[in-house]
C-alpha atoms as a PDB file:
ATOM      1  CA  MET A   1      83.307  80.906 127.270  1.00  0.00           C
ATOM      2  CA  ASN A   2      84.255  83.823 129.479  1.00  0.00           C
ATOM      3  CA  ARG A   3      81.599  86.472 129.109  1.00  0.00           C
ATOM      4  CA  THR A   4      82.478  89.962 130.282  1.00  0.00           C
ATOM      5  CA  GLU A   5      80.013  91.099 132.907  1.00  0.00           C
ATOM      6  CA  ILE A   6      79.425  94.846 133.017  1.00  0.00           C
ATOM      7  CA  VAL A   7      77.077  95.125 135.991  1.00  0.00           C
ATOM      8  CA  ARG A   8      75.707  92.624 138.482  1.00  0.00           C
ATOM      9  CA  ASP A   9      73.152  93.783 141.013  1.00  0.00           C
ATOM     10  CA  TYR A  10      71.542  90.525 142.026  1.00  0.00           C
ATOM     11  CA  PRO A  11      72.723  87.403 143.838  1.00  0.00           C
ATOM     12  CA  LEU A  12      73.312  84.191 141.958  1.00  0.00           C
ATOM     13  CA  GLU A  13      70.353  81.868 141.570  1.00  0.00           C
ATOM     14  CA  GLN A  14      70.659  78.114 141.322  1.00  0.00           C
ATOM     15  CA  TYR A  15      68.535  75.796 139.181  1.00  0.00           C
ATOM     16  CA  ALA A  16      68.689  72.130 138.238  1.00  0.00           C
ATOM     17  CA  VAL A  17      69.755  71.655 134.619  1.00  0.00           C
ATOM     18  CA  THR A  18      67.256  70.003 132.277  1.00  0.00           C
ATOM     19  CA  ASP A  19      68.271  66.374 131.698  1.00  0.00           C
ATOM     20  CA  SER A  20      70.520  65.915 128.661  1.00  0.00           C
ATOM     21  CA  ASP A  21      71.123  69.656 128.214  1.00  0.00           C
ATOM     22  CA  ALA A  22      74.738  70.634 127.500  1.00  0.00           C
ATOM     23  CA  LEU A  23      74.601  74.005 129.249  1.00  0.00           C
ATOM     24  CA  ALA A  24      78.004  75.675 129.727  1.00  0.00           C
ATOM     25  CA  ASP A  25      79.385  78.695 131.582  1.00  0.00           C
ATOM     26  CA  GLY A  26      78.754  82.019 129.795  1.00  0.00           C
ATOM     27  CA  GLU A  27      75.712  80.865 127.834  1.00  0.00           C
ATOM     28  CA  ILE A  28      72.245  82.436 127.908  1.00  0.00           C
ATOM     29  CA  VAL A  29      70.059  80.390 130.254  1.00  0.00           C
ATOM     30  CA  ALA A  30      66.350  79.822 129.786  1.00  0.00           C
ATOM     31  CA  ILE A  31      64.015  78.265 132.304  1.00  0.00           C
ATOM     32  CA  LEU A  32      61.634  75.579 131.082  1.00  0.00           C
ATOM     33  CA  ALA A  33      58.442  76.849 132.718  1.00  0.00           C
ATOM     34  CA  SER A  34      56.709  73.478 133.002  1.00  0.00           C
ATOM     35  CA  ALA A  35      59.613  71.860 134.881  1.00  0.00           C
ATOM     36  CA  GLY A  36      61.363  74.835 136.490  1.00  0.00           C
ATOM     37  CA  THR A  37      64.706  73.604 135.167  1.00  0.00           C
ATOM     38  CA  ALA A  38      67.462  75.463 133.337  1.00  0.00           C
ATOM     39  CA  GLN A  39      68.622  74.854 129.780  1.00  0.00           C
ATOM     40  CA  ARG A  40      70.481  76.522 126.929  1.00  0.00           C
ATOM     41  CA  ALA A  41      68.360  79.360 125.629  1.00  0.00           C
ATOM     42  CA  SER A  42      66.778  78.917 122.208  1.00  0.00           C
ATOM     43  CA  ASP A  43      63.619  79.927 120.397  1.00  0.00           C
ATOM     44  CA  ALA A  44      61.588  77.269 122.198  1.00  0.00           C
ATOM     45  CA  THR A  45      58.034  77.303 123.452  1.00  0.00           C
ATOM     46  CA  GLY A  46      57.452  77.462 127.204  1.00  0.00           C
ATOM     47  CA  THR A  47      60.810  79.022 128.084  1.00  0.00           C
ATOM     48  CA  TYR A  48      61.933  82.376 129.425  1.00  0.00           C
ATOM     49  CA  VAL A  49      65.396  83.876 129.863  1.00  0.00           C
ATOM     50  CA  ARG A  50      66.747  84.159 133.388  1.00  0.00           C
ATOM     51  CA  GLY A  51      70.347  85.312 132.807  1.00  0.00           C
ATOM     52  CA  VAL A  52      73.767  83.840 132.044  1.00  0.00           C
ATOM     53  CA  ALA A  53      75.308  80.620 133.349  1.00  0.00           C
ATOM     54  CA  LYS A  54      77.997  81.489 135.871  1.00  0.00           C
ATOM     55  CA  CYS A  55      78.898  77.980 137.004  1.00  0.00           C
ATOM     56  CA  VAL A  56      77.558  74.645 135.740  1.00  0.00           C
ATOM     57  CA  ARG A  57      78.364  71.679 137.971  1.00  0.00           C
ATOM     58  CA  ASP A  58      76.789  68.475 139.259  1.00  0.00           C
ATOM     59  CA  GLY A  59      73.551  68.918 137.312  1.00  0.00           C
ATOM     60  CA  LYS A  60      72.997  72.450 138.611  1.00  0.00           C
ATOM     61  CA  VAL A  61      73.686  75.923 137.228  1.00  0.00           C
ATOM     62  CA  GLU A  62      74.280  79.213 139.002  1.00  0.00           C
ATOM     63  CA  ILE A  63      72.702  82.025 137.001  1.00  0.00           C
ATOM     64  CA  THR A  64      73.777  85.644 137.192  1.00  0.00           C
ATOM     65  CA  ASN A  65      72.109  88.796 135.906  1.00  0.00           C
ATOM     66  CA  GLY A  66      73.778  91.883 134.495  1.00  0.00           C
ATOM     67  CA  ILE A  67      74.690  93.518 131.201  1.00  0.00           C
ATOM     68  CA  PHE A  68      76.451  91.103 128.866  1.00  0.00           C
ATOM     69  CA  LEU A  69      77.916  91.118 125.364  1.00  0.00           C
ATOM     70  CA  PHE A  70      76.452  88.595 122.890  1.00  0.00           C
ATOM     71  CA  LYS A  71      76.892  87.806 119.210  1.00  0.00           C
ATOM     72  CA  ASN A  72      74.635  89.747 116.836  1.00  0.00           C
ATOM     73  CA  ASP A  73      72.680  87.669 114.319  1.00  0.00           C
ATOM     74  CA  THR A  74      73.720  88.399 110.742  1.00  0.00           C
ATOM     75  CA  THR A  75      70.275  87.839 109.196  1.00  0.00           C
ATOM     76  CA  ASN A  76      68.099  89.800 111.648  1.00  0.00           C
ATOM     77  CA  ALA A  77      70.778  92.007 113.167  1.00  0.00           C
ATOM     78  CA  VAL A  78      70.170  94.311 116.097  1.00  0.00           C
ATOM     79  CA  VAL A  79      70.872  97.878 114.888  1.00  0.00           C
ATOM     80  CA  ARG A  80      72.116 100.606 117.213  1.00  0.00           C
ATOM     81  CA  LYS A  81      69.958 103.478 115.882  1.00  0.00           C
ATOM     82  CA  THR A  82      66.814 101.369 115.834  1.00  0.00           C
ATOM     83  CA  HIS A  83      66.983  98.951 118.741  1.00  0.00           C
ATOM     84  CA  VAL A  84      68.831 100.551 121.686  1.00  0.00           C
ATOM     85  CA  GLY A  85      66.354 100.697 124.581  1.00  0.00           C
ATOM     86  CA  GLY A  86      64.150  98.026 123.026  1.00  0.00           C
ATOM     87  CA  ALA A  87      63.893  94.280 123.393  1.00  0.00           C
ATOM     88  CA  CYS A  88      66.052  91.759 121.585  1.00  0.00           C
ATOM     89  CA  TYR A  89      65.423  88.060 121.177  1.00  0.00           C
ATOM     90  CA  VAL A  90      67.230  84.767 121.637  1.00  0.00           C
ATOM     91  CA  LYS A  91      68.579  83.302 118.403  1.00  0.00           C
ATOM     92  CA  ASP A  92      70.563  80.642 120.263  1.00  0.00           C
ATOM     93  CA  HIS A  93      72.492  80.291 123.535  1.00  0.00           C
ATOM     94  CA  GLU A  94      75.073  82.927 122.500  1.00  0.00           C
ATOM     95  CA  THR A  95      73.373  85.021 119.787  1.00  0.00           C
ATOM     96  CA  VAL A  96      70.579  87.633 119.846  1.00  0.00           C
ATOM     97  CA  ASP A  97      68.503  89.067 117.019  1.00  0.00           C
ATOM     98  CA  SER A  98      66.052  91.876 116.336  1.00  0.00           C
ATOM     99  CA  SER A  99      62.914  90.021 115.322  1.00  0.00           C
ATOM    100  CA  GLY A 100      62.682  86.792 117.282  1.00  0.00           C
ATOM    101  CA  GLY A 101      61.827  83.394 115.903  1.00  0.00           C
ATOM    102  CA  THR A 102      58.573  81.520 116.118  1.00  0.00           C
ATOM    103  CA  TYR A 103      58.226  81.861 119.903  1.00  0.00           C
ATOM    104  CA  LYS A 104      59.945  85.258 120.319  1.00  0.00           C
ATOM    105  CA  VAL A 105      61.910  84.393 123.460  1.00  0.00           C
ATOM    106  CA  VAL A 106      63.074  87.733 124.882  1.00  0.00           C
ATOM    107  CA  ALA A 107      66.786  87.999 125.752  1.00  0.00           C
ATOM    108  CA  GLY A 108      66.603  91.423 127.436  1.00  0.00           C
ATOM    109  CA  LEU A 109      66.951  95.140 126.675  1.00  0.00           C
ATOM    110  CA  VAL A 110      69.499  96.390 124.145  1.00  0.00           C
ATOM    111  CA  VAL A 111      72.014  98.737 125.807  1.00  0.00           C
ATOM    112  CA  ASP A 112      74.435  99.187 122.891  1.00  0.00           C
ATOM    113  CA  VAL A 113      75.475  97.662 119.583  1.00  0.00           C
ATOM    114  CA  THR A 114      79.118  97.623 118.488  1.00  0.00           C
ATOM    115  CA  SER A 115      81.240  95.716 116.013  1.00  0.00           C
ATOM    116  CA  ASP A 116      81.882  93.256 118.874  1.00  0.00           C
ATOM    117  CA  GLY A 117      78.190  92.435 119.299  1.00  0.00           C
ATOM    118  CA  VAL A 118      75.147  93.470 121.310  1.00  0.00           C
ATOM    119  CA  TYR A 119      75.230  94.561 124.947  1.00  0.00           C
ATOM    120  CA  VAL A 120      72.077  93.187 126.567  1.00  0.00           C
ATOM    121  CA  ASP A 121      70.685  94.133 129.975  1.00  0.00           C
ATOM    122  CA  MET A 122      69.552  90.928 131.689  1.00  0.00           C
ATOM    123  CA  ARG A 123      68.956  92.363 135.134  1.00  0.00           C
ATOM    124  CA  LEU A 124      65.561  91.374 136.498  1.00  0.00           C
ATOM    125  CA  PRO A 125      63.825  94.754 135.933  1.00  0.00           C
ATOM    126  CA  ALA A 126      65.193  94.881 132.370  1.00  0.00           C
ATOM    127  CA  LEU A 127      63.927  91.374 131.601  1.00  0.00           C
ATOM    128  CA  ALA A 128      60.486  92.367 132.919  1.00  0.00           C
ATOM    129  CA  ALA A 129      60.499  95.601 130.895  1.00  0.00           C
ATOM    130  CA  ALA A 130      61.603  93.833 127.706  1.00  0.00           C
ATOM    131  CA  ASN A 131      58.844  91.242 128.045  1.00  0.00           C
ATOM    132  CA  ALA A 132      56.291  94.007 128.715  1.00  0.00           C
ATOM    133  CA  LEU A 133      57.427  95.894 125.585  1.00  0.00           C
ATOM    134  CA  VAL A 134      56.988  92.792 123.447  1.00  0.00           C
ATOM    135  CA  LYS A 135      53.525  92.071 124.855  1.00  0.00           C
ATOM    136  CA  ALA A 136      52.421  95.683 124.374  1.00  0.00           C
ATOM    137  CA  ALA A 137      53.606  95.646 120.751  1.00  0.00           C
ATOM    138  CA  ALA A 138      51.757  92.370 120.109  1.00  0.00           C
ATOM    139  CA  ASN A 139      48.568  93.785 121.653  1.00  0.00           C
ATOM    140  CA  ALA A 140      48.855  96.981 119.576  1.00  0.00           C
ATOM    141  CA  ALA A 141      49.317  94.924 116.413  1.00  0.00           C
ATOM    142  CA  ALA A 142      46.274  92.800 117.250  1.00  0.00           C
ATOM    143  CA  ILE A 143      44.148  95.910 117.847  1.00  0.00           C
ATOM    144  CA  ALA A 144      45.361  97.518 114.618  1.00  0.00           C
ATOM    145  CA  ALA A 145      44.390  94.370 112.721  1.00  0.00           C
ATOM    146  CA  LEU A 146      40.745  94.661 113.847  1.00  0.00           C
END
């Protein structure tokens, strides 16, 4: 899939692809923390998003960062008025949602929502900010529950 890249500020990174993973160009890439290998993003434990696959070849993937357009989940849709500037979550390797699944794997920061989908900032500072927002919200919820 050709994914339109809006902005790219960072050099490509290269990771080995997790054995048996069918990662393809243009898909959201997650890193399996325990192995340090790349795979298709999903709501899976022990993974974090690193960007989008730019080139998959010979068991390796080049990952790029930037602002990308992804499909919007129909069940837990990202809404422009509510979610712009906030975190969105990985539904699958090409879809984001507003609430996250069991493991709440963060896709990045929502830049805009249109009828075409969700523009997500996956630059490194945005990924860090999105993860920090999610952790702060979880901590606030835990404190409120006391």
